[in-house]
Structure formats: C-alpha cells, structure tokens
Amino acid sequence: MNPTVDIIYNYFPKLTETQKEQFAKLEELYPLWNDQINVISRKDIESLYLKHVLHSLAIGKFVGEFAPKTRILDVGTGGGFPGIPLAILFPEVQFHLVDSIGKKIKVVREVAAGLGLKNVEADHIRAEQLDYKYDFVVSRAVTRLGDFIPWVRNKIEKQDKNSIPNGILYLKGGDLKEEIKEARVKAELHPIPHYFKEDFFETKYVMYIPM
C-alpha cells in the first residue's frame, strides 16, 4: 500500500494547518497536471508522498531550518522536486526552480499557484545562464557531480547567513565515493535512513558540499 499524506505529518509534527493543507493538496494537483503533461511516471505518481515529497524533505531534516530570506536554487527541478515540498516546509525562504524543459516548468508554476505559494519562482532556463547568486543550490540527482558543480559553482553567495556554510544540497543514492573523488570536492554524506525508516531510502543520501 502506498503512503498517504499522513507520512509527512508523522515525520513533521509541527506543521501549521496551512502547511498540512498544502501537502494534502499535492495528491490532487500532481495527478491533474501529470495527466496533461507527463512529469512523473504513472507508477511513481501512486507513490508521490514517499518517492517524491518525503524524499525531497530529507534536505529539511538535515538542515533543520533556514534563516528567513535565504535564497535557494533548485536545478533540474522536473515536476518541482525537491523545491515545491521544501517551499511548503520553509515559507520564509525564497525558492527559484529552474529546468531546461519548458513543459515541466509549466507544471511547477501551476502547482505553486494551486498551493498559493508566494515564495516560489519558476523559470525555463539552464542553471549556467542565470546571473543571480543563491545561498544554497538543491537538486535531485540530475547528473554526475563532476558535471553538475561547474554549472553552479559561481552561483553561490559568499556571505553565510545560516548555521551551515552556503553550498550544495544534493539528493543521490548508491556508492558515491568515486563520483565525489572525480568531482574533486569535499562532500559530506548524510544517510536518509537517519531521518526516515522506509526501505525506499536504504541507499540514499543528502550530500552536502560547502562552497
């Protein structure tokens, strides 16, 4: 049986009523838009809360909280992950979701509008083309780390305002030692099973790369 929105409420017991309503509304909005513009496989849409929403929120568990007005860039956001769940969890934080595929950004905008999220901006653009600076870059395994880092290295603000230095928060699974070595960065691997007990997360990590 696939988890319902209750899985989010259980792991995040301090959500406001507004946040609870927003998380609950995801199971209405994503199937609606996915039927029109396919951004999530049919099999995965049934596991929306486990494979997409909760997975995205592992970043929230690792960080704990962000300072208000922190700026976060979500690169290769696809249908809005991890950006949309994180924007619900952190309403005082500004999120910029980008993807090189325009139809995916259409879904992101419609979902953000349907949830009433005021802290989400979404653009059909490649990360390399952006002129802005951000406190953190988040992403969900869009490519190998060695390819990803050059896209975003100069997009990260030098001045820190959070309890951890600015950098990259990357969701990825498997044996990552070789990839980290190849990328020539210092990376911390935080196993997601430290936060969530479901088998799906067994070999998955929040990778933190201070920049």
N, C-alpha and C. Protein backbone atom coordinates (compact mmCIF):
# COMPACT_ATOMS: atom_id res chain seq x y z
N MET A 1 0.84 -1.20 0.00
CA MET A 1 0.00 0.00 0.00
C MET A 1 0.87 1.26 0.00
N ASN A 2 0.51 2.23 -0.81
CA ASN A 2 1.32 3.44 -0.91
C ASN A 2 0.98 4.43 0.21
N PRO A 3 2.01 5.07 0.78
CA PRO A 3 1.76 6.01 1.89
C PRO A 3 0.90 7.20 1.45
N THR A 4 0.11 7.68 2.38
CA THR A 4 -0.71 8.88 2.15
C THR A 4 0.02 10.09 2.74
N VAL A 5 -0.63 11.22 2.73
CA VAL A 5 -0.03 12.45 3.27
C VAL A 5 0.31 12.30 4.76
N ASP A 6 -0.30 11.34 5.43
CA ASP A 6 -0.02 11.13 6.86
C ASP A 6 1.46 10.86 7.12
N ILE A 7 2.14 10.28 6.14
CA ILE A 7 3.57 10.00 6.33
C ILE A 7 4.34 11.31 6.53
N ILE A 8 3.90 12.38 5.88
CA ILE A 8 4.54 13.69 6.04
C ILE A 8 4.21 14.26 7.42
N TYR A 9 2.94 14.16 7.81
CA TYR A 9 2.52 14.67 9.13
C TYR A 9 3.27 13.96 10.26
N ASN A 10 3.51 12.65 10.09
CA ASN A 10 4.18 11.87 11.14
C ASN A 10 5.62 12.32 11.33
N TYR A 11 6.31 12.58 10.23
CA TYR A 11 7.73 12.97 10.34
C TYR A 11 7.91 14.46 10.63
N PHE A 12 6.87 15.24 10.35
CA PHE A 12 6.93 16.69 10.59
C PHE A 12 5.71 17.12 11.42
N PRO A 13 5.73 16.79 12.71
CA PRO A 13 4.55 17.01 13.55
C PRO A 13 4.24 18.48 13.86
N LYS A 14 5.16 19.38 13.55
CA LYS A 14 4.93 20.79 13.91
C LYS A 14 4.41 21.63 12.75
N LEU A 15 3.90 21.00 11.71
CA LEU A 15 3.37 21.74 10.57
C LEU A 15 2.16 22.58 10.98
N THR A 16 2.02 23.75 10.37
CA THR A 16 0.82 24.57 10.60
C THR A 16 -0.34 23.97 9.81
N GLU A 17 -1.55 24.44 10.08
CA GLU A 17 -2.72 23.96 9.33
C GLU A 17 -2.58 24.28 7.84
N THR A 18 -2.04 25.46 7.54
CA THR A 18 -1.84 25.84 6.13
C THR A 18 -0.89 24.85 5.45
N GLN A 19 0.23 24.53 6.11
CA GLN A 19 1.19 23.60 5.53
C GLN A 19 0.56 22.22 5.34
N LYS A 20 -0.22 21.79 6.32
CA LYS A 20 -0.88 20.48 6.20
C LYS A 20 -1.82 20.46 4.99
N GLU A 21 -2.56 21.53 4.82
CA GLU A 21 -3.49 21.62 3.68
C GLU A 21 -2.71 21.61 2.36
N GLN A 22 -1.59 22.33 2.33
CA GLN A 22 -0.78 22.38 1.10
C GLN A 22 -0.22 21.00 0.76
N PHE A 23 0.32 20.32 1.75
CA PHE A 23 0.84 18.97 1.48
C PHE A 23 -0.28 18.03 1.02
N ALA A 24 -1.46 18.13 1.65
CA ALA A 24 -2.59 17.28 1.27
C ALA A 24 -3.04 17.55 -0.17
N LYS A 25 -2.92 18.80 -0.59
CA LYS A 25 -3.41 19.19 -1.93
C LYS A 25 -2.51 18.66 -3.05
N LEU A 26 -1.29 18.25 -2.71
CA LEU A 26 -0.37 17.74 -3.73
C LEU A 26 -0.95 16.51 -4.43
N GLU A 27 -1.70 15.67 -3.68
CA GLU A 27 -2.22 14.45 -4.30
C GLU A 27 -3.40 14.73 -5.23
N GLU A 28 -3.88 15.95 -5.21
CA GLU A 28 -4.92 16.38 -6.16
C GLU A 28 -4.25 17.06 -7.36
N LEU A 29 -3.28 17.94 -7.09
CA LEU A 29 -2.67 18.74 -8.15
C LEU A 29 -1.76 17.93 -9.08
N TYR A 30 -0.93 17.05 -8.51
CA TYR A 30 0.02 16.35 -9.37
C TYR A 30 -0.64 15.39 -10.36
N PRO A 31 -1.60 14.55 -9.94
CA PRO A 31 -2.26 13.70 -10.94
C PRO A 31 -2.99 14.54 -12.01
N LEU A 32 -3.59 15.65 -11.59
CA LEU A 32 -4.31 16.52 -12.53
C LEU A 32 -3.37 17.02 -13.63
N TRP A 33 -2.22 17.57 -13.23
CA TRP A 33 -1.29 18.12 -14.22
C TRP A 33 -0.47 17.04 -14.91
N ASN A 34 -0.21 15.94 -14.21
CA ASN A 34 0.56 14.85 -14.81
C ASN A 34 -0.19 14.20 -15.96
N ASP A 35 -1.52 14.18 -15.88
CA ASP A 35 -2.33 13.63 -16.97
C ASP A 35 -2.18 14.47 -18.24
N GLN A 36 -1.92 15.76 -18.07
CA GLN A 36 -1.81 16.66 -19.22
C GLN A 36 -0.37 16.76 -19.73
N ILE A 37 0.56 16.84 -18.78
CA ILE A 37 1.98 16.96 -19.13
C ILE A 37 2.73 15.98 -18.24
N ASN A 38 3.18 14.89 -18.83
CA ASN A 38 3.78 13.82 -18.02
C ASN A 38 5.14 14.22 -17.44
N VAL A 39 5.19 14.41 -16.13
CA VAL A 39 6.48 14.75 -15.49
C VAL A 39 6.88 13.69 -14.46
N ILE A 40 5.94 12.84 -14.08
CA ILE A 40 6.20 11.77 -13.11
C ILE A 40 5.62 10.48 -13.71
N SER A 41 6.36 9.37 -13.63
CA SER A 41 5.83 8.13 -14.20
C SER A 41 4.55 7.73 -13.46
N ARG A 42 3.68 7.00 -14.16
CA ARG A 42 2.39 6.59 -13.56
C ARG A 42 2.58 5.79 -12.29
N LYS A 43 3.59 4.92 -12.31
CA LYS A 43 3.87 4.08 -11.13
C LYS A 43 4.28 4.97 -9.95
N ASP A 44 5.10 5.98 -10.25
CA ASP A 44 5.61 6.85 -9.19
C ASP A 44 4.55 7.82 -8.67
N ILE A 45 3.58 8.19 -9.50
CA ILE A 45 2.56 9.13 -9.03
C ILE A 45 1.76 8.50 -7.90
N GLU A 46 1.65 7.16 -7.92
CA GLU A 46 0.96 6.44 -6.84
C GLU A 46 1.78 6.48 -5.56
N SER A 47 3.10 6.64 -5.70
CA SER A 47 3.98 6.71 -4.52
C SER A 47 4.47 8.15 -4.30
N LEU A 48 3.63 9.11 -4.68
CA LEU A 48 4.02 10.53 -4.66
C LEU A 48 4.63 10.95 -3.32
N TYR A 49 3.93 10.62 -2.22
CA TYR A 49 4.38 11.11 -0.91
C TYR A 49 5.68 10.47 -0.44
N LEU A 50 5.91 9.22 -0.82
CA LEU A 50 7.14 8.55 -0.41
C LEU A 50 8.31 8.93 -1.31
N LYS A 51 8.16 8.69 -2.63
CA LYS A 51 9.29 8.78 -3.55
C LYS A 51 9.63 10.20 -3.98
N HIS A 52 8.70 11.11 -3.82
CA HIS A 52 8.95 12.49 -4.28
C HIS A 52 8.91 13.51 -3.14
N VAL A 53 7.81 13.51 -2.39
CA VAL A 53 7.64 14.55 -1.36
C VAL A 53 8.56 14.28 -0.16
N LEU A 54 8.46 13.10 0.43
CA LEU A 54 9.28 12.80 1.61
C LEU A 54 10.77 12.80 1.24
N HIS A 55 11.09 12.24 0.09
CA HIS A 55 12.49 12.24 -0.35
C HIS A 55 13.04 13.67 -0.41
N SER A 56 12.27 14.58 -0.98
CA SER A 56 12.67 16.00 -1.05
C SER A 56 12.91 16.59 0.33
N LEU A 57 12.05 16.19 1.28
CA LEU A 57 12.09 16.77 2.62
C LEU A 57 13.25 16.26 3.48
N ALA A 58 14.00 15.28 2.97
CA ALA A 58 15.20 14.84 3.69
C ALA A 58 16.17 16.02 3.85
N ILE A 59 16.17 16.93 2.88
CA ILE A 59 17.01 18.14 2.99
C ILE A 59 16.58 18.96 4.19
N GLY A 60 15.27 19.06 4.41
CA GLY A 60 14.74 19.79 5.56
C GLY A 60 15.15 19.16 6.88
N LYS A 61 15.17 17.82 6.92
CA LYS A 61 15.60 17.11 8.14
C LYS A 61 17.08 17.37 8.42
N PHE A 62 17.89 17.35 7.36
CA PHE A 62 19.32 17.58 7.54
C PHE A 62 19.61 19.00 8.04
N VAL A 63 18.99 19.98 7.41
CA VAL A 63 19.27 21.39 7.74
C VAL A 63 18.60 21.81 9.04
N GLY A 64 17.39 21.32 9.28
CA GLY A 64 16.62 21.74 10.47
C GLY A 64 15.83 22.99 10.19
N GLU A 65 16.51 24.07 9.90
CA GLU A 65 15.82 25.31 9.50
C GLU A 65 16.77 26.19 8.70
N PHE A 66 16.18 27.03 7.88
CA PHE A 66 16.94 28.04 7.14
C PHE A 66 16.59 29.41 7.71
N ALA A 67 17.54 30.33 7.66
CA ALA A 67 17.26 31.70 8.07
C ALA A 67 16.23 32.31 7.13
N PRO A 68 15.33 33.16 7.64
CA PRO A 68 14.38 33.84 6.75
C PRO A 68 15.12 34.56 5.61
N LYS A 69 14.48 34.56 4.44
CA LYS A 69 15.00 35.21 3.23
C LYS A 69 16.23 34.52 2.63
N THR A 70 16.55 33.33 3.11
CA THR A 70 17.56 32.51 2.43
C THR A 70 17.08 32.29 1.00
N ARG A 71 18.02 32.34 0.04
CA ARG A 71 17.66 32.12 -1.38
C ARG A 71 18.20 30.76 -1.82
N ILE A 72 17.29 29.95 -2.37
CA ILE A 72 17.66 28.59 -2.77
C ILE A 72 17.32 28.35 -4.24
N LEU A 73 18.28 27.82 -4.97
CA LEU A 73 18.09 27.48 -6.37
C LEU A 73 17.91 25.96 -6.49
N ASP A 74 16.82 25.54 -7.15
CA ASP A 74 16.59 24.12 -7.42
C ASP A 74 16.87 23.88 -8.91
N VAL A 75 17.94 23.14 -9.19
CA VAL A 75 18.40 22.93 -10.57
C VAL A 75 17.86 21.61 -11.11
N GLY A 76 17.27 21.67 -12.32
CA GLY A 76 16.68 20.47 -12.92
C GLY A 76 15.51 19.98 -12.09
N THR A 77 14.64 20.91 -11.74
CA THR A 77 13.56 20.64 -10.78
C THR A 77 12.54 19.62 -11.28
N GLY A 78 12.48 19.39 -12.61
CA GLY A 78 11.49 18.44 -13.13
C GLY A 78 10.09 18.93 -12.81
N GLY A 79 9.32 18.11 -12.10
CA GLY A 79 7.97 18.49 -11.71
C GLY A 79 7.91 19.35 -10.46
N GLY A 80 9.08 19.75 -9.94
CA GLY A 80 9.09 20.61 -8.75
C GLY A 80 9.71 19.98 -7.51
N PHE A 81 10.63 19.04 -7.74
CA PHE A 81 11.26 18.34 -6.61
C PHE A 81 12.77 18.51 -6.65
N PRO A 82 13.38 18.88 -5.52
CA PRO A 82 12.80 18.99 -4.18
C PRO A 82 12.16 20.35 -3.85
N GLY A 83 12.13 21.29 -4.79
CA GLY A 83 11.76 22.68 -4.48
C GLY A 83 10.38 22.89 -3.89
N ILE A 84 9.34 22.27 -4.49
CA ILE A 84 7.97 22.54 -4.01
C ILE A 84 7.76 22.05 -2.57
N PRO A 85 8.10 20.79 -2.23
CA PRO A 85 7.93 20.38 -0.83
C PRO A 85 8.73 21.24 0.15
N LEU A 86 9.95 21.63 -0.26
CA LEU A 86 10.77 22.48 0.63
C LEU A 86 10.16 23.87 0.78
N ALA A 87 9.55 24.38 -0.28
CA ALA A 87 8.91 25.71 -0.21
C ALA A 87 7.70 25.69 0.73
N ILE A 88 7.01 24.56 0.79
CA ILE A 88 5.90 24.43 1.75
C ILE A 88 6.47 24.39 3.17
N LEU A 89 7.53 23.61 3.35
CA LEU A 89 8.12 23.44 4.69
C LEU A 89 8.76 24.73 5.21
N PHE A 90 9.33 25.53 4.30
CA PHE A 90 10.05 26.75 4.70
C PHE A 90 9.44 27.98 4.02
N PRO A 91 8.29 28.45 4.49
CA PRO A 91 7.60 29.55 3.82
C PRO A 91 8.34 30.89 3.84
N GLU A 92 9.33 31.04 4.73
CA GLU A 92 10.10 32.30 4.81
C GLU A 92 11.31 32.30 3.89
N VAL A 93 11.49 31.23 3.15
CA VAL A 93 12.66 31.08 2.28
C VAL A 93 12.23 31.26 0.82
N GLN A 94 13.09 31.88 0.02
CA GLN A 94 12.78 32.13 -1.39
C GLN A 94 13.36 31.01 -2.26
N PHE A 95 12.53 30.40 -3.09
CA PHE A 95 12.96 29.30 -3.94
C PHE A 95 12.86 29.68 -5.42
N HIS A 96 13.91 29.39 -6.17
CA HIS A 96 13.92 29.61 -7.61
C HIS A 96 14.11 28.24 -8.27
N LEU A 97 13.07 27.75 -8.94
CA LEU A 97 13.09 26.43 -9.55
C LEU A 97 13.34 26.58 -11.04
N VAL A 98 14.36 25.90 -11.56
CA VAL A 98 14.68 26.02 -12.98
C VAL A 98 14.80 24.64 -13.62
N ASP A 99 14.44 24.59 -14.91
CA ASP A 99 14.59 23.36 -15.68
C ASP A 99 14.75 23.75 -17.15
N SER A 100 15.48 22.92 -17.89
CA SER A 100 15.70 23.21 -19.31
C SER A 100 14.52 22.77 -20.18
N ILE A 101 13.54 22.08 -19.57
CA ILE A 101 12.36 21.62 -20.31
C ILE A 101 11.15 22.46 -19.91
N GLY A 102 10.66 23.24 -20.88
CA GLY A 102 9.60 24.22 -20.61
C GLY A 102 8.31 23.64 -20.06
N LYS A 103 7.88 22.45 -20.56
CA LYS A 103 6.60 21.90 -20.10
C LYS A 103 6.66 21.51 -18.62
N LYS A 104 7.84 21.15 -18.15
CA LYS A 104 7.98 20.83 -16.72
C LYS A 104 7.78 22.08 -15.87
N ILE A 105 8.31 23.20 -16.34
CA ILE A 105 8.15 24.46 -15.61
C ILE A 105 6.69 24.90 -15.60
N LYS A 106 5.96 24.60 -16.65
CA LYS A 106 4.52 24.90 -16.66
C LYS A 106 3.82 24.17 -15.51
N VAL A 107 4.15 22.89 -15.33
CA VAL A 107 3.56 22.12 -14.22
C VAL A 107 3.94 22.74 -12.88
N VAL A 108 5.22 23.08 -12.72
CA VAL A 108 5.68 23.69 -11.46
C VAL A 108 4.90 24.97 -11.15
N ARG A 109 4.73 25.81 -12.16
CA ARG A 109 4.01 27.08 -11.94
C ARG A 109 2.55 26.83 -11.56
N GLU A 110 1.93 25.88 -12.23
CA GLU A 110 0.52 25.57 -11.93
C GLU A 110 0.36 24.99 -10.53
N VAL A 111 1.27 24.11 -10.14
CA VAL A 111 1.21 23.51 -8.80
C VAL A 111 1.45 24.59 -7.74
N ALA A 112 2.47 25.42 -7.94
CA ALA A 112 2.77 26.51 -6.98
C ALA A 112 1.57 27.45 -6.84
N ALA A 113 0.93 27.78 -7.98
CA ALA A 113 -0.25 28.66 -7.95
C ALA A 113 -1.41 27.98 -7.23
N GLY A 114 -1.60 26.69 -7.52
CA GLY A 114 -2.68 25.93 -6.88
C GLY A 114 -2.52 25.83 -5.37
N LEU A 115 -1.28 25.86 -4.91
CA LEU A 115 -1.00 25.79 -3.47
C LEU A 115 -0.97 27.17 -2.81
N GLY A 116 -0.96 28.21 -3.65
CA GLY A 116 -0.86 29.57 -3.11
C GLY A 116 0.53 29.89 -2.57
N LEU A 117 1.56 29.28 -3.14
CA LEU A 117 2.92 29.52 -2.66
C LEU A 117 3.44 30.86 -3.20
N LYS A 118 3.78 31.74 -2.30
CA LYS A 118 4.29 33.07 -2.69
C LYS A 118 5.82 33.11 -2.74
N ASN A 119 6.44 32.03 -2.30
CA ASN A 119 7.91 32.02 -2.19
C ASN A 119 8.57 31.17 -3.28
N VAL A 120 7.84 30.93 -4.38
CA VAL A 120 8.37 30.11 -5.47
C VAL A 120 8.34 30.89 -6.78
N GLU A 121 9.48 30.89 -7.44
CA GLU A 121 9.60 31.46 -8.79
C GLU A 121 10.10 30.30 -9.66
N ALA A 122 9.57 30.16 -10.87
CA ALA A 122 9.99 29.05 -11.72
C ALA A 122 10.30 29.56 -13.12
N ASP A 123 11.43 29.11 -13.67
CA ASP A 123 11.84 29.59 -14.99
C ASP A 123 12.37 28.46 -15.87
N HIS A 124 12.05 28.57 -17.15
CA HIS A 124 12.56 27.66 -18.18
C HIS A 124 13.92 28.20 -18.62
N ILE A 125 14.97 27.74 -17.95
CA ILE A 125 16.32 28.25 -18.22
C ILE A 125 17.33 27.24 -17.70
N ARG A 126 18.50 27.23 -18.28
CA ARG A 126 19.58 26.38 -17.76
C ARG A 126 20.29 27.11 -16.62
N ALA A 127 20.76 26.36 -15.66
CA ALA A 127 21.43 26.96 -14.50
C ALA A 127 22.61 27.84 -14.92
N GLU A 128 23.34 27.40 -15.95
CA GLU A 128 24.53 28.14 -16.40
C GLU A 128 24.19 29.55 -16.89
N GLN A 129 22.94 29.75 -17.31
CA GLN A 129 22.54 31.05 -17.88
C GLN A 129 22.09 32.06 -16.82
N LEU A 130 21.98 31.62 -15.59
CA LEU A 130 21.49 32.51 -14.53
C LEU A 130 22.56 33.50 -14.10
N ASP A 131 22.11 34.71 -13.77
CA ASP A 131 23.04 35.75 -13.30
C ASP A 131 22.96 35.97 -11.80
N TYR A 132 22.06 35.27 -11.12
CA TYR A 132 21.82 35.52 -9.70
C TYR A 132 22.76 34.71 -8.81
N LYS A 133 22.78 35.10 -7.53
CA LYS A 133 23.53 34.35 -6.51
C LYS A 133 22.53 33.80 -5.49
N TYR A 134 22.85 32.66 -4.95
CA TYR A 134 21.96 31.97 -4.00
C TYR A 134 22.77 31.50 -2.80
N ASP A 135 22.06 31.27 -1.70
CA ASP A 135 22.74 30.73 -0.51
C ASP A 135 22.99 29.23 -0.67
N PHE A 136 22.01 28.54 -1.24
CA PHE A 136 22.15 27.10 -1.45
C PHE A 136 21.61 26.71 -2.82
N VAL A 137 22.22 25.66 -3.37
CA VAL A 137 21.69 25.02 -4.57
C VAL A 137 21.23 23.63 -4.16
N VAL A 138 20.00 23.27 -4.52
CA VAL A 138 19.50 21.93 -4.24
C VAL A 138 19.21 21.23 -5.57
N SER A 139 19.26 19.90 -5.55
CA SER A 139 18.94 19.15 -6.75
C SER A 139 18.76 17.69 -6.39
N ARG A 140 18.07 16.99 -7.29
CA ARG A 140 17.83 15.57 -7.07
C ARG A 140 18.45 14.78 -8.21
N ALA A 141 19.74 14.47 -8.04
CA ALA A 141 20.45 13.57 -8.94
C ALA A 141 20.23 13.84 -10.42
N VAL A 142 20.40 15.09 -10.84
CA VAL A 142 20.18 15.39 -12.27
C VAL A 142 21.31 14.87 -13.15
N THR A 143 22.52 14.78 -12.60
CA THR A 143 23.66 14.30 -13.38
C THR A 143 24.79 13.95 -12.42
N ARG A 144 25.91 13.52 -12.96
CA ARG A 144 27.07 13.24 -12.11
C ARG A 144 27.58 14.54 -11.50
N LEU A 145 28.10 14.42 -10.31
CA LEU A 145 28.55 15.58 -9.55
C LEU A 145 29.60 16.40 -10.30
N GLY A 146 30.51 15.71 -10.99
CA GLY A 146 31.57 16.40 -11.72
C GLY A 146 31.04 17.28 -12.84
N ASP A 147 29.88 16.92 -13.39
CA ASP A 147 29.25 17.75 -14.42
C ASP A 147 28.40 18.85 -13.79
N PHE A 148 27.80 18.54 -12.66
CA PHE A 148 26.86 19.46 -12.01
C PHE A 148 27.56 20.68 -11.41
N ILE A 149 28.67 20.45 -10.74
CA ILE A 149 29.33 21.53 -10.00
C ILE A 149 29.74 22.72 -10.88
N PRO A 150 30.31 22.49 -12.07
CA PRO A 150 30.63 23.65 -12.92
C PRO A 150 29.41 24.50 -13.29
N TRP A 151 28.22 23.90 -13.36
CA TRP A 151 27.01 24.68 -13.68
C TRP A 151 26.70 25.69 -12.59
N VAL A 152 27.01 25.35 -11.34
CA VAL A 152 26.51 26.16 -10.21
C VAL A 152 27.59 26.78 -9.33
N ARG A 153 28.85 26.45 -9.60
CA ARG A 153 29.93 26.90 -8.71
C ARG A 153 29.91 28.40 -8.46
N ASN A 154 29.67 29.19 -9.52
CA ASN A 154 29.70 30.65 -9.38
C ASN A 154 28.33 31.25 -9.06
N LYS A 155 27.39 30.39 -8.70
CA LYS A 155 26.03 30.89 -8.38
C LYS A 155 25.82 31.01 -6.86
N ILE A 156 26.84 30.66 -6.09
CA ILE A 156 26.66 30.59 -4.64
C ILE A 156 27.25 31.82 -3.95
N GLU A 157 26.41 32.46 -3.16
CA GLU A 157 26.75 33.66 -2.39
C GLU A 157 27.90 33.36 -1.43
N LYS A 158 28.83 34.32 -1.33
CA LYS A 158 29.98 34.11 -0.42
C LYS A 158 29.60 34.28 1.05
N GLN A 159 28.70 35.21 1.32
CA GLN A 159 28.34 35.54 2.72
C GLN A 159 27.33 34.55 3.28
N ASP A 160 27.68 33.89 4.39
CA ASP A 160 26.78 32.90 5.00
C ASP A 160 25.79 33.58 5.94
N LYS A 161 24.56 33.04 5.99
CA LYS A 161 23.59 33.55 6.96
C LYS A 161 22.89 32.43 7.73
N ASN A 162 23.32 31.19 7.45
CA ASN A 162 22.71 30.03 8.10
C ASN A 162 23.70 29.33 9.02
N SER A 163 23.20 28.33 9.74
CA SER A 163 24.06 27.63 10.70
C SER A 163 25.11 26.76 10.00
N ILE A 164 24.86 26.43 8.72
CA ILE A 164 25.88 25.73 7.93
C ILE A 164 26.31 26.65 6.79
N PRO A 165 27.58 26.56 6.36
CA PRO A 165 28.04 27.41 5.26
C PRO A 165 27.25 27.14 3.98
N ASN A 166 27.15 28.17 3.15
CA ASN A 166 26.46 28.05 1.87
C ASN A 166 27.07 26.93 1.03
N GLY A 167 26.26 26.34 0.17
CA GLY A 167 26.78 25.26 -0.66
C GLY A 167 25.69 24.52 -1.39
N ILE A 168 25.99 23.26 -1.71
CA ILE A 168 25.09 22.40 -2.48
C ILE A 168 24.49 21.34 -1.57
N LEU A 169 23.19 21.11 -1.72
CA LEU A 169 22.49 20.02 -1.02
C LEU A 169 21.91 19.12 -2.11
N TYR A 170 22.51 17.95 -2.28
CA TYR A 170 22.22 17.10 -3.44
C TYR A 170 21.63 15.78 -2.96
N LEU A 171 20.51 15.38 -3.50
CA LEU A 171 19.90 14.10 -3.15
C LEU A 171 20.36 13.04 -4.15
N LYS A 172 21.03 12.02 -3.65
CA LYS A 172 21.53 11.00 -4.57
C LYS A 172 21.69 9.67 -3.83
N GLY A 173 21.70 8.57 -4.59
CA GLY A 173 21.81 7.24 -3.98
C GLY A 173 22.96 6.45 -4.55
N GLY A 174 23.23 5.30 -3.91
CA GLY A 174 24.26 4.38 -4.39
C GLY A 174 25.63 4.66 -3.79
N ASP A 175 26.65 4.03 -4.38
CA ASP A 175 28.03 4.21 -3.91
C ASP A 175 28.59 5.47 -4.58
N LEU A 176 28.80 6.51 -3.79
CA LEU A 176 29.14 7.82 -4.35
C LEU A 176 30.61 8.21 -4.20
N LYS A 177 31.42 7.31 -3.63
CA LYS A 177 32.83 7.65 -3.35
C LYS A 177 33.58 8.06 -4.62
N GLU A 178 33.42 7.26 -5.67
CA GLU A 178 34.14 7.52 -6.93
C GLU A 178 33.70 8.85 -7.55
N GLU A 179 32.41 9.09 -7.49
CA GLU A 179 31.85 10.33 -8.06
C GLU A 179 32.36 11.57 -7.33
N ILE A 180 32.45 11.48 -6.01
CA ILE A 180 32.94 12.59 -5.19
C ILE A 180 34.43 12.84 -5.50
N LYS A 181 35.17 11.74 -5.60
CA LYS A 181 36.61 11.84 -5.90
C LYS A 181 36.83 12.49 -7.27
N GLU A 182 36.05 12.05 -8.24
CA GLU A 182 36.14 12.58 -9.61
C GLU A 182 35.81 14.08 -9.66
N ALA A 183 34.86 14.50 -8.81
CA ALA A 183 34.44 15.91 -8.79
C ALA A 183 35.42 16.81 -8.04
N ARG A 184 36.34 16.19 -7.27
CA ARG A 184 37.37 16.92 -6.50
C ARG A 184 36.76 17.94 -5.55
N VAL A 185 35.80 17.47 -4.77
CA VAL A 185 35.18 18.33 -3.75
C VAL A 185 35.17 17.60 -2.42
N LYS A 186 35.02 18.37 -1.38
CA LYS A 186 34.81 17.78 -0.05
C LYS A 186 33.31 17.68 0.15
N ALA A 187 32.82 16.48 0.30
CA ALA A 187 31.38 16.28 0.43
C ALA A 187 31.08 15.47 1.69
N GLU A 188 30.02 15.85 2.35
CA GLU A 188 29.52 15.07 3.50
C GLU A 188 28.33 14.26 3.03
N LEU A 189 28.31 12.97 3.39
CA LEU A 189 27.18 12.11 3.04
C LEU A 189 26.35 11.84 4.29
N HIS A 190 25.10 12.23 4.25
CA HIS A 190 24.19 12.03 5.38
C HIS A 190 23.12 11.03 4.95
N PRO A 191 23.17 9.79 5.48
CA PRO A 191 22.23 8.76 5.04
C PRO A 191 20.78 9.14 5.40
N ILE A 192 19.91 9.05 4.42
CA ILE A 192 18.49 9.40 4.65
C ILE A 192 17.83 8.46 5.67
N PRO A 193 18.26 7.17 5.79
CA PRO A 193 17.65 6.33 6.84
C PRO A 193 17.86 6.87 8.27
N HIS A 194 18.76 7.84 8.45
CA HIS A 194 18.87 8.50 9.77
C HIS A 194 17.61 9.31 10.07
N TYR A 195 16.89 9.69 9.02
CA TYR A 195 15.70 10.54 9.18
C TYR A 195 14.39 9.78 8.94
N PHE A 196 14.40 8.89 7.94
CA PHE A 196 13.17 8.18 7.54
C PHE A 196 13.44 6.68 7.51
N LYS A 197 12.52 5.87 8.05
CA LYS A 197 12.76 4.44 8.22
C LYS A 197 12.36 3.57 7.02
N GLU A 198 11.67 4.12 6.04
CA GLU A 198 11.16 3.32 4.92
C GLU A 198 12.30 2.71 4.08
N ASP A 199 12.10 1.48 3.60
CA ASP A 199 13.13 0.75 2.84
C ASP A 199 13.59 1.51 1.59
N PHE A 200 12.69 2.29 1.01
CA PHE A 200 13.00 3.04 -0.22
C PHE A 200 14.26 3.89 -0.06
N PHE A 201 14.54 4.35 1.16
CA PHE A 201 15.66 5.29 1.40
C PHE A 201 16.96 4.59 1.76
N GLU A 202 16.97 3.27 1.73
CA GLU A 202 18.09 2.49 2.25
C GLU A 202 19.47 2.93 1.76
N THR A 203 19.62 3.20 0.48
CA THR A 203 20.96 3.56 -0.04
C THR A 203 21.00 5.02 -0.52
N LYS A 204 20.11 5.85 0.03
CA LYS A 204 20.02 7.23 -0.44
C LYS A 204 20.63 8.20 0.59
N TYR A 205 21.15 9.32 0.07
CA TYR A 205 21.85 10.30 0.91
C TYR A 205 21.41 11.72 0.61
N VAL A 206 21.58 12.58 1.64
CA VAL A 206 21.68 14.02 1.40
C VAL A 206 23.18 14.29 1.35
N MET A 207 23.64 14.73 0.20
CA MET A 207 25.06 15.07 0.06
C MET A 207 25.21 16.58 0.25
N TYR A 208 26.06 16.96 1.18
CA TYR A 208 26.26 18.40 1.46
C TYR A 208 27.69 18.76 1.06
N ILE A 209 27.78 19.76 0.18
CA ILE A 209 29.08 20.23 -0.31
C ILE A 209 29.21 21.71 0.01
N PRO A 210 29.94 22.07 1.06
CA PRO A 210 30.14 23.50 1.35
C PRO A 210 30.92 24.14 0.21
N MET A 211 30.51 25.34 -0.18
CA MET A 211 31.19 26.03 -1.29
C MET A 211 31.71 27.39 -0.81
